[in-house]
Amino acid sequence: MRARKREEMHDVKRIREEGVRFDEALRYRGVEEGVSARVIALDDERLRLLKERELLLEERNRLSKEMGILAREGGDSGEELRLRVQEIKARLEVLSEGMKDASDRLEALLLTLPNVAYSDVPDGDDESSNEEEDREGAVAEDQDLGLQHFEVASALGAGLMDFESGSLLSGARFVVLKGVLAKLERALSQMMMDLHTEIHGYTEMSVPFLVLPEVMEGTGQLPKFADDLFRTNSPGGHYLIPTAEVPLTNMVRSQVLSRSELPLRMVSYTQCFRKEAGSAGKDTRGMLRQHQFGKVELVSVTCPEDSESEHERMTECAKEVLRRLELPFRSVKLSKGDMGFSAKRTIDLEVWMPGQGVYREISSCSTCGDFQARRMGGRVKREGGKGTEYVHTLNGSGVAVGRAMIAILENGYCGDGSVKLPEALHGYMGGMKAIELEG
């Protein structure tokens, strides 16, 4: 096990060398102008104190040797030397406190700075600058809007999608699924997990839903997004996971992996918990934005030179889910201002929702470079090579189960009180090819 160096969240040496470029790279990511100067100033303070400490340690060692020689020769007691050593000791204590304070302030700043995007990521402050890459599946965008998912559920049978019971049990933005819709949710998660493990080669993982604060910090949820997380009052200050990305990525925390162990490809189906802070008034009807939802998550850990191809591969794995579910979707490259905190590049897959007449996100596939690995201390040692280097991490939804169900209800609704199910789900639904109107 190895402890993470305090300044490893970003490469301070590189910030010193490319300060203007660093500031420009974070321009669209909500970071104040000239942040590199603040980083360098804090690092200068830390280095100044460190240099003074090193000089005083050298002087103390020299004086201690001189005192030893005097003692052996039986000469002068070296009172002046002892007084100077005491002065040095007191100053070293002050310097140690000062270095800790400077390091703490530097770490606190670096922890709040997002990842630096790749050069091919579109400039822009928000989703208006995102770039559509391609579409699959035909949609009639000029037709009258169909029913929304909660309207379809209501048409299928009372209480199948029960928001009143969810609210009674847990408050707003919770739902209870009943009967065939609960079965559909289970079928979707099983179908996705089988696809990713049996066809795509991911290793199935069952992970804790509660993690320690340092684990949240490792993937970038803390400290920046504490308001969006559910924290418990346990002695360890555990958090409920907002995504399985958190525990899966931290599986390589403080580890040095061999080249032969990579790539690691992991998949997990979990419940996810988010406060949805800042989303007041957004998607309040239905299941689009819940505090608890199921998601199949893909995580890869690679050598640096393999992360680009792995990002393409992961995105294709998520696309294949939507193809098998016979859902129209499009691929969108997010702009710098719309990407997540830890991402260097993100491709969103957006599924067509005829009840709203829009595409809605159902998967985000991101490559994070070494950003998370620096925070976690995850490294790789190459065979025959000297030293180690940081691994690269990637994550993607493969996909959000609730939104997949919503898309099936809206796209498969036949208008006669039934919903056509994609062929890929027939076996998981006990041979059922459609959900029929109850009664």
Protein backbone atom coordinates (compact mmCIF):
# COMPACT_ATOMS: atom_id res chain seq x y z
CA MET A 1 0.00 0.00 0.00
CA ARG A 2 1.23 3.49 -0.74
CA ALA A 3 0.00 6.87 0.44
CA ARG A 4 -0.99 9.47 -2.13
CA LYS A 5 1.29 12.45 -2.35
CA ARG A 6 -0.63 15.54 -1.44
CA GLU A 7 0.03 17.40 -4.69
CA GLU A 8 -0.75 14.57 -7.11
CA MET A 9 -4.31 15.60 -8.02
CA HIS A 10 -2.71 17.71 -10.76
CA ASP A 11 0.90 17.75 -11.93
CA VAL A 12 2.21 20.94 -10.30
CA LYS A 13 5.43 20.78 -12.30
CA ARG A 14 3.42 20.84 -15.51
CA ILE A 15 1.27 23.71 -14.24
CA ARG A 16 4.49 25.67 -13.65
CA GLU A 17 5.68 24.95 -17.17
CA GLU A 18 2.33 25.53 -18.91
CA GLY A 19 0.43 27.93 -16.67
CA VAL A 20 -1.23 29.92 -19.45
CA ARG A 21 -2.25 26.74 -21.23
CA PHE A 22 -3.60 25.28 -17.97
CA ASP A 23 -5.72 28.37 -17.32
CA GLU A 24 -7.04 28.33 -20.87
CA ALA A 25 -7.91 24.62 -20.60
CA LEU A 26 -10.05 25.30 -17.52
CA ARG A 27 -11.65 28.43 -18.93
CA TYR A 28 -14.94 26.70 -19.77
CA ARG A 29 -15.05 24.56 -16.65
CA GLY A 30 -16.16 27.12 -14.09
CA VAL A 31 -12.67 27.88 -12.76
CA GLU A 32 -11.56 31.40 -11.91
CA GLU A 33 -9.07 33.07 -14.23
CA GLY A 34 -5.40 32.81 -13.34
CA VAL A 35 -5.77 29.81 -11.04
CA SER A 36 -2.33 28.57 -12.08
CA ALA A 37 -0.77 31.62 -10.35
CA ARG A 38 -2.51 30.64 -7.10
CA VAL A 39 -1.23 27.08 -7.40
CA ILE A 40 2.31 28.26 -8.07
CA ALA A 41 2.24 30.77 -5.19
CA LEU A 42 1.16 28.09 -2.72
CA ASP A 43 3.75 25.69 -4.06
CA ASP A 44 6.43 28.42 -3.83
CA GLU A 45 5.55 28.95 -0.18
CA ARG A 46 5.77 25.23 0.50
CA LEU A 47 9.11 24.93 -1.31
CA ARG A 48 10.55 27.99 0.48
CA LEU A 49 9.75 26.48 3.85
CA LEU A 50 11.06 23.10 2.72
CA LYS A 51 14.37 24.66 1.61
CA GLU A 52 14.79 26.48 4.92
CA ARG A 53 14.02 23.25 6.76
CA GLU A 54 16.63 21.33 4.77
CA LEU A 55 19.29 23.98 5.48
CA LEU A 56 18.50 23.95 9.20
CA LEU A 57 18.66 20.16 9.31
CA GLU A 58 22.09 20.30 7.69
CA GLU A 59 23.23 22.89 10.21
CA ARG A 60 21.85 20.87 13.14
CA ASN A 61 23.65 17.75 11.95
CA ARG A 62 26.91 19.68 11.59
CA LEU A 63 26.58 21.23 15.04
CA SER A 64 25.78 17.86 16.60
CA LYS A 65 28.99 16.43 15.15
CA GLU A 66 30.99 19.37 16.51
CA MET A 67 29.43 18.89 19.96
CA GLY A 68 30.34 15.22 19.83
CA ILE A 69 33.96 16.01 19.01
CA LEU A 70 34.18 18.51 21.87
CA ALA A 71 32.70 15.99 24.30
CA ARG A 72 35.22 13.30 23.29
CA GLU A 73 38.15 15.73 23.59
CA GLY A 74 36.97 16.91 27.01
CA GLY A 75 37.24 20.51 26.02
CA ASP A 76 34.68 23.32 25.89
CA SER A 77 31.21 22.11 26.83
CA GLY A 78 29.85 23.72 23.66
CA GLU A 79 27.15 25.79 25.42
CA GLU A 80 26.77 28.13 22.46
CA LEU A 81 26.35 25.17 20.16
CA ARG A 82 23.66 23.67 22.37
CA LEU A 83 21.75 26.95 22.43
CA ARG A 84 21.89 27.14 18.65
CA VAL A 85 20.65 23.55 18.35
CA GLN A 86 17.71 24.43 20.61
CA GLU A 87 16.93 27.47 18.43
CA ILE A 88 17.02 25.25 15.35
CA LYS A 89 14.72 22.71 16.98
CA ALA A 90 12.15 25.41 17.80
CA ARG A 91 12.36 26.83 14.26
CA LEU A 92 11.94 23.38 12.73
CA GLU A 93 8.69 22.95 14.64
CA VAL A 94 7.43 26.26 13.26
CA LEU A 95 8.50 25.27 9.75
CA SER A 96 6.78 21.90 10.02
CA GLU A 97 3.52 23.61 10.93
CA GLY A 98 3.97 26.11 8.13
CA MET A 99 4.69 23.40 5.57
CA LYS A 100 1.64 21.44 6.65
CA ASP A 101 -0.53 24.54 6.36
CA ALA A 102 0.84 25.40 2.91
CA SER A 103 0.44 21.79 1.74
CA ASP A 104 -3.11 21.66 3.09
CA ARG A 105 -4.06 24.86 1.28
CA LEU A 106 -2.44 23.63 -1.94
CA GLU A 107 -4.23 20.29 -1.68
CA ALA A 108 -7.55 21.98 -0.93
CA LEU A 109 -7.20 24.10 -4.07
CA LEU A 110 -6.10 21.25 -6.32
CA LEU A 111 -8.93 19.03 -5.13
CA THR A 112 -11.46 21.56 -6.46
CA LEU A 113 -9.92 21.85 -9.93
CA PRO A 114 -11.54 19.70 -12.66
CA ASN A 115 -9.71 17.62 -15.20
CA VAL A 116 -8.16 19.18 -18.28
CA ALA A 117 -10.10 18.27 -21.42
CA TYR A 118 -8.53 16.77 -24.52
CA SER A 119 -7.93 19.18 -27.41
CA ASP A 120 -10.71 17.68 -29.55
CA VAL A 121 -13.38 18.47 -26.95
CA PRO A 122 -15.61 21.36 -28.14
CA ASP A 123 -15.23 24.72 -26.44
CA GLY A 124 -18.35 26.00 -24.72
CA ASP A 125 -19.97 26.67 -21.38
CA ASP A 126 -22.94 24.30 -21.59
CA GLU A 127 -24.87 21.75 -23.65
CA SER A 128 -25.55 24.24 -26.42
CA SER A 129 -21.97 23.68 -27.60
CA ASN A 130 -22.20 19.87 -27.67
CA GLU A 131 -21.57 18.19 -31.02
CA GLU A 132 -23.79 15.45 -32.39
CA GLU A 133 -21.71 12.65 -33.94
CA ASP A 134 -24.25 10.17 -35.33
CA ARG A 135 -27.72 8.70 -35.01
CA GLU A 136 -29.08 5.17 -35.13
CA GLY A 137 -32.70 4.15 -35.49
CA ALA A 138 -35.49 5.99 -37.25
CA VAL A 139 -37.69 8.48 -35.46
CA ALA A 140 -40.51 10.68 -36.71
CA GLU A 141 -39.64 13.93 -34.97
CA ASP A 142 -42.41 15.87 -36.72
CA GLN A 143 -45.22 13.61 -35.54
CA ASP A 144 -47.59 14.39 -32.70
CA LEU A 145 -46.13 13.58 -29.30
CA GLY A 146 -46.91 10.14 -27.94
CA LEU A 147 -47.70 9.30 -24.34
CA GLN A 148 -45.07 9.92 -21.70
CA HIS A 149 -43.86 6.89 -19.75
CA PHE A 150 -45.99 7.54 -16.68
CA GLU A 151 -49.05 7.90 -18.91
CA VAL A 152 -48.24 4.60 -20.60
CA ALA A 153 -47.79 2.95 -17.21
CA SER A 154 -51.14 4.28 -16.09
CA ALA A 155 -52.78 2.96 -19.26
CA LEU A 156 -51.31 -0.50 -18.62
CA GLY A 157 -52.74 -0.74 -15.13
CA ALA A 158 -53.26 1.20 -11.94
CA GLY A 159 -50.39 1.14 -9.46
CA LEU A 160 -47.77 -0.40 -11.76
CA MET A 161 -45.70 2.81 -11.47
CA ASP A 162 -46.70 4.05 -8.03
CA PHE A 163 -45.40 7.51 -7.18
CA GLU A 164 -47.86 7.98 -4.31
CA SER A 165 -46.48 4.99 -2.42
CA GLY A 166 -42.92 6.11 -3.20
CA SER A 167 -43.69 9.53 -1.75
CA LEU A 168 -45.40 8.01 1.28
CA LEU A 169 -42.38 5.80 1.98
CA SER A 170 -39.54 8.16 1.16
CA GLY A 171 -40.75 11.56 -0.03
CA ALA A 172 -40.53 13.20 -3.43
CA ARG A 173 -38.66 11.60 -6.32
CA PHE A 174 -39.08 7.99 -5.30
CA VAL A 175 -41.23 5.35 -6.99
CA VAL A 176 -42.52 1.85 -6.30
CA LEU A 177 -42.73 -0.47 -9.34
CA LYS A 178 -45.22 -3.31 -9.25
CA GLY A 179 -45.86 -6.50 -11.16
CA VAL A 180 -44.83 -6.50 -14.80
CA LEU A 181 -42.87 -3.21 -14.53
CA ALA A 182 -40.85 -4.53 -11.59
CA LYS A 183 -40.18 -7.63 -13.69
CA LEU A 184 -39.20 -5.45 -16.67
CA GLU A 185 -36.71 -3.56 -14.52
CA ARG A 186 -35.16 -6.84 -13.37
CA ALA A 187 -35.12 -8.21 -16.92
CA LEU A 188 -33.30 -5.14 -18.22
CA SER A 189 -30.58 -5.33 -15.57
CA GLN A 190 -30.07 -9.06 -16.20
CA MET A 191 -29.96 -8.64 -19.96
CA MET A 192 -27.36 -5.85 -19.70
CA MET A 193 -25.21 -7.72 -17.21
CA ASP A 194 -25.24 -10.88 -19.33
CA LEU A 195 -24.33 -8.91 -22.45
CA HIS A 196 -21.39 -7.13 -20.81
CA THR A 197 -20.00 -10.20 -19.05
CA GLU A 198 -20.62 -12.91 -21.65
CA ILE A 199 -20.09 -10.94 -24.86
CA HIS A 200 -18.09 -7.83 -23.96
CA GLY A 201 -15.70 -9.48 -21.49
CA TYR A 202 -16.31 -7.39 -18.36
CA THR A 203 -15.90 -9.00 -14.95
CA GLU A 204 -19.06 -8.87 -12.85
CA MET A 205 -18.57 -7.17 -9.49
CA SER A 206 -20.84 -6.87 -6.46
CA VAL A 207 -19.76 -3.79 -4.53
CA PRO A 208 -20.78 -1.92 -1.34
CA PHE A 209 -23.34 0.85 -1.65
CA LEU A 210 -21.66 2.67 1.27
CA VAL A 211 -18.12 4.03 0.86
CA LEU A 212 -15.67 6.10 2.89
CA PRO A 213 -15.09 9.83 2.19
CA GLU A 214 -11.60 9.21 0.77
CA VAL A 215 -13.10 6.85 -1.79
CA MET A 216 -15.47 9.60 -2.95
CA GLU A 217 -12.49 11.93 -3.11
CA GLY A 218 -10.57 9.46 -5.26
CA THR A 219 -13.04 9.62 -8.14
CA GLY A 220 -13.73 13.35 -7.81
CA GLN A 221 -17.13 13.47 -6.09
CA LEU A 222 -15.56 15.13 -3.05
CA PRO A 223 -15.05 17.82 -2.03
CA LYS A 224 -16.63 19.65 -4.96
CA PHE A 225 -20.03 17.92 -5.04
CA ALA A 226 -20.77 17.17 -1.41
CA ASP A 227 -24.20 18.82 -1.70
CA ASP A 228 -25.34 16.22 -4.23
CA LEU A 229 -24.41 13.22 -2.06
CA PHE A 230 -26.23 11.37 0.70
CA ARG A 231 -23.99 11.11 3.76
CA THR A 232 -24.69 8.85 6.72
CA ASN A 233 -23.98 9.55 10.38
CA SER A 234 -21.86 6.41 10.75
CA PRO A 235 -18.52 6.64 12.60
CA GLY A 236 -16.70 6.46 9.27
CA GLY A 237 -18.84 9.16 7.68
CA HIS A 238 -19.94 6.79 4.91
CA TYR A 239 -21.62 8.06 1.76
CA LEU A 240 -24.21 6.29 -0.37
CA ILE A 241 -22.74 5.81 -3.83
CA PRO A 242 -24.03 8.08 -6.62
CA THR A 243 -22.77 5.52 -9.15
CA ALA A 244 -20.87 2.21 -9.12
CA GLU A 245 -18.02 4.09 -10.78
CA VAL A 246 -16.93 5.12 -7.27
CA PRO A 247 -16.25 1.69 -5.71
CA LEU A 248 -15.22 0.05 -9.00
CA THR A 249 -12.58 2.64 -9.89
CA ASN A 250 -11.24 2.63 -6.34
CA MET A 251 -10.51 -1.09 -6.64
CA VAL A 252 -7.04 -0.02 -7.80
CA ARG A 253 -6.62 2.54 -5.04
CA SER A 254 -3.04 2.63 -3.67
CA GLN A 255 -2.04 -0.29 -5.89
CA VAL A 256 0.86 -0.84 -8.25
CA LEU A 257 -0.35 -3.11 -11.06
CA SER A 258 1.72 -5.05 -13.54
CA ARG A 259 1.32 -4.42 -17.27
CA SER A 260 -0.05 -7.94 -17.70
CA GLU A 261 -2.98 -7.17 -15.36
CA LEU A 262 -4.29 -4.43 -17.66
CA PRO A 263 -6.77 -3.64 -18.96
CA LEU A 264 -9.13 -4.27 -16.06
CA ARG A 265 -12.76 -4.28 -17.20
CA MET A 266 -15.42 -4.36 -14.50
CA VAL A 267 -19.20 -4.11 -14.54
CA SER A 268 -21.72 -3.82 -11.73
CA TYR A 269 -25.45 -3.31 -11.36
CA THR A 270 -26.23 -1.14 -8.34
CA GLN A 271 -28.72 1.26 -6.95
CA CYS A 272 -27.45 4.84 -7.16
CA PHE A 273 -28.31 7.67 -4.79
CA ARG A 274 -28.25 11.38 -5.63
CA LYS A 275 -29.80 14.43 -4.03
CA GLU A 276 -30.09 16.08 -7.45
CA ALA A 277 -29.01 19.35 -5.90
CA GLY A 278 -29.60 22.26 -8.24
CA SER A 279 -32.26 20.43 -10.27
CA ALA A 280 -35.29 21.93 -8.57
CA GLY A 281 -38.21 22.02 -10.97
CA LYS A 282 -36.49 19.80 -13.57
CA ASP A 283 -38.17 16.54 -14.64
CA THR A 284 -40.39 16.46 -11.60
CA ARG A 285 -42.95 14.19 -13.28
CA GLY A 286 -42.23 10.54 -13.74
CA MET A 287 -39.02 8.57 -13.32
CA LEU A 288 -36.53 10.68 -15.28
CA ARG A 289 -34.80 12.20 -12.25
CA GLN A 290 -35.06 10.13 -9.08
CA HIS A 291 -33.08 10.16 -5.84
CA GLN A 292 -32.62 6.38 -6.17
CA PHE A 293 -32.23 4.52 -9.46
CA GLY A 294 -30.65 1.38 -10.88
CA LYS A 295 -27.73 1.53 -13.29
CA VAL A 296 -25.32 -0.88 -14.92
CA GLU A 297 -21.87 0.72 -14.78
CA LEU A 298 -18.78 -0.08 -16.85
CA VAL A 299 -15.29 0.78 -15.57
CA SER A 300 -11.95 0.18 -17.26
CA VAL A 301 -8.40 0.66 -15.99
CA THR A 302 -5.73 0.76 -18.68
CA CYS A 303 -2.18 1.69 -19.53
CA PRO A 304 -1.99 5.30 -20.80
CA GLU A 305 -1.46 4.33 -24.43
CA ASP A 306 -4.58 2.15 -24.46
CA SER A 307 -7.16 4.53 -23.01
CA GLU A 308 -8.19 6.11 -26.34
CA SER A 309 -9.09 2.80 -27.96
CA GLU A 310 -10.72 1.65 -24.71
CA HIS A 311 -12.97 4.71 -24.74
CA GLU A 312 -14.18 3.81 -28.22
CA ARG A 313 -14.68 0.20 -27.15
CA MET A 314 -16.65 1.13 -24.02
CA THR A 315 -18.90 3.47 -25.98
CA GLU A 316 -19.61 0.70 -28.48
CA CYS A 317 -20.53 -1.64 -25.62
CA ALA A 318 -23.10 0.86 -24.37
CA LYS A 319 -24.42 1.41 -27.89
CA GLU A 320 -24.93 -2.31 -28.31
CA VAL A 321 -27.33 -2.32 -25.36
CA LEU A 322 -29.51 0.25 -27.10
CA ARG A 323 -29.33 -1.60 -30.42
CA ARG A 324 -30.52 -4.81 -28.75
CA LEU A 325 -33.30 -2.91 -27.05
CA GLU A 326 -34.30 -1.56 -30.50
CA LEU A 327 -34.22 2.03 -29.28
CA PRO A 328 -33.40 5.03 -31.51
CA PHE A 329 -30.45 7.00 -30.13
CA ARG A 330 -27.78 9.50 -30.99
CA SER A 331 -24.15 10.01 -29.92
CA VAL A 332 -23.07 13.44 -28.67
CA LYS A 333 -19.60 14.72 -27.79
CA LEU A 334 -19.95 16.98 -24.77
CA SER A 335 -18.40 20.43 -24.63
CA LYS A 336 -15.86 21.38 -21.97
CA GLY A 337 -18.48 23.18 -19.93
CA ASP A 338 -20.96 20.31 -20.01
CA MET A 339 -18.58 17.49 -19.08
CA GLY A 340 -18.29 15.92 -15.67
CA PHE A 341 -15.61 17.04 -13.22
CA SER A 342 -13.23 14.09 -13.74
CA ALA A 343 -13.59 13.65 -17.51
CA LYS A 344 -11.14 14.52 -20.26
CA ARG A 345 -13.67 13.58 -22.94
CA THR A 346 -17.27 12.37 -22.69
CA ILE A 347 -19.56 10.82 -25.27
CA ASP A 348 -23.22 10.85 -24.27
CA LEU A 349 -25.72 8.43 -25.73
CA GLU A 350 -29.17 9.97 -25.87
CA VAL A 351 -32.25 7.84 -26.43
CA TRP A 352 -35.32 9.09 -28.28
CA MET A 353 -38.29 9.76 -26.00
CA PRO A 354 -41.40 10.20 -28.21
CA GLY A 355 -43.53 11.25 -25.25
CA GLN A 356 -41.41 14.38 -24.91
CA GLY A 357 -40.27 14.64 -28.52
CA VAL A 358 -36.59 14.89 -27.50
CA TYR A 359 -33.48 12.83 -27.04
CA ARG A 360 -32.53 12.25 -23.39
CA GLU A 361 -29.24 11.05 -21.95
CA ILE A 362 -29.16 7.36 -21.09
CA SER A 363 -25.39 6.79 -20.96
CA SER A 364 -22.22 8.85 -20.49
CA CYS A 365 -18.92 7.24 -21.44
CA SER A 366 -15.90 9.18 -20.19
CA THR A 367 -12.16 8.81 -20.30
CA CYS A 368 -10.45 10.45 -17.33
CA GLY A 369 -6.78 10.03 -18.23
CA ASP A 370 -4.67 9.84 -15.07
CA PHE A 371 -6.83 12.35 -13.16
CA GLN A 372 -8.51 9.83 -10.86
CA ALA A 373 -5.41 7.66 -10.63
CA ARG A 374 -3.47 10.62 -9.22
CA ARG A 375 -6.10 11.15 -6.55
CA MET A 376 -6.21 7.43 -5.70
CA GLY A 377 -2.55 6.52 -6.16
CA GLY A 378 -3.16 3.84 -8.81
CA ARG A 379 -0.06 2.98 -10.82
CA VAL A 380 1.33 0.47 -13.29
CA LYS A 381 4.86 -0.93 -13.45
CA ARG A 382 6.00 -2.08 -16.85
CA GLU A 383 7.98 -5.29 -17.25
CA GLY A 384 11.68 -4.53 -17.22
CA GLY A 385 11.05 -0.83 -16.78
CA LYS A 386 12.16 1.46 -14.01
CA GLY A 387 9.70 3.21 -11.77
CA THR A 388 5.94 3.39 -12.21
CA GLU A 389 3.37 5.59 -13.93
CA TYR A 390 -0.26 6.39 -13.33
CA VAL A 391 -2.92 4.22 -14.91
CA HIS A 392 -5.79 5.69 -16.91
CA THR A 393 -9.40 5.18 -15.83
CA LEU A 394 -12.65 5.17 -17.82
CA ASN A 395 -16.29 4.83 -16.87
CA GLY A 396 -19.61 4.60 -18.64
CA SER A 397 -23.25 3.75 -18.09
CA GLY A 398 -24.09 0.48 -19.70
CA VAL A 399 -26.88 1.70 -19.28
CA ALA A 400 -29.26 3.46 -16.86
CA VAL A 401 -31.95 0.84 -16.25
CA GLY A 402 -34.80 3.19 -15.32
CA ARG A 403 -34.34 5.35 -18.39
CA ALA A 404 -34.14 2.24 -20.58
CA MET A 405 -37.50 1.15 -19.21
CA ILE A 406 -38.93 4.63 -19.82
CA ALA A 407 -37.69 4.53 -23.43
CA ILE A 408 -39.19 1.07 -24.01
CA LEU A 409 -42.58 2.18 -22.65
CA GLU A 410 -42.66 5.28 -24.84
CA ASN A 411 -41.17 3.79 -28.02
CA GLY A 412 -42.96 0.46 -27.73
CA TYR A 413 -46.44 1.81 -26.95
CA CYS A 414 -48.84 0.58 -29.62
CA GLY A 415 -51.80 2.82 -28.84
CA ASP A 416 -54.04 -0.13 -28.10
CA GLY A 417 -53.09 -0.42 -24.45
CA SER A 418 -50.04 -2.62 -25.07
CA VAL A 419 -46.27 -2.11 -25.20
CA LYS A 420 -44.15 -4.11 -27.62
CA LEU A 421 -41.03 -5.57 -26.00
CA PRO A 422 -37.71 -5.89 -27.87
CA GLU A 423 -36.76 -9.42 -28.83
CA ALA A 424 -33.67 -9.31 -26.59
CA LEU A 425 -35.94 -9.19 -23.53
CA HIS A 426 -38.37 -11.99 -24.46
CA GLY A 427 -36.37 -14.69 -22.70
CA TYR A 428 -35.88 -12.55 -19.62
CA MET A 429 -39.62 -11.81 -19.49
CA GLY A 430 -40.64 -15.49 -19.52
CA GLY A 431 -41.41 -15.46 -23.25
CA MET A 432 -43.56 -12.33 -23.04
CA LYS A 433 -43.45 -10.35 -26.29
CA ALA A 434 -45.64 -7.46 -25.18
CA ILE A 435 -47.06 -5.95 -22.03
CA GLU A 436 -50.80 -6.05 -22.32
CA LEU A 437 -53.45 -3.91 -20.65
CA GLU A 438 -54.35 -5.37 -17.27
CA GLY A 439 -57.73 -7.07 -17.11
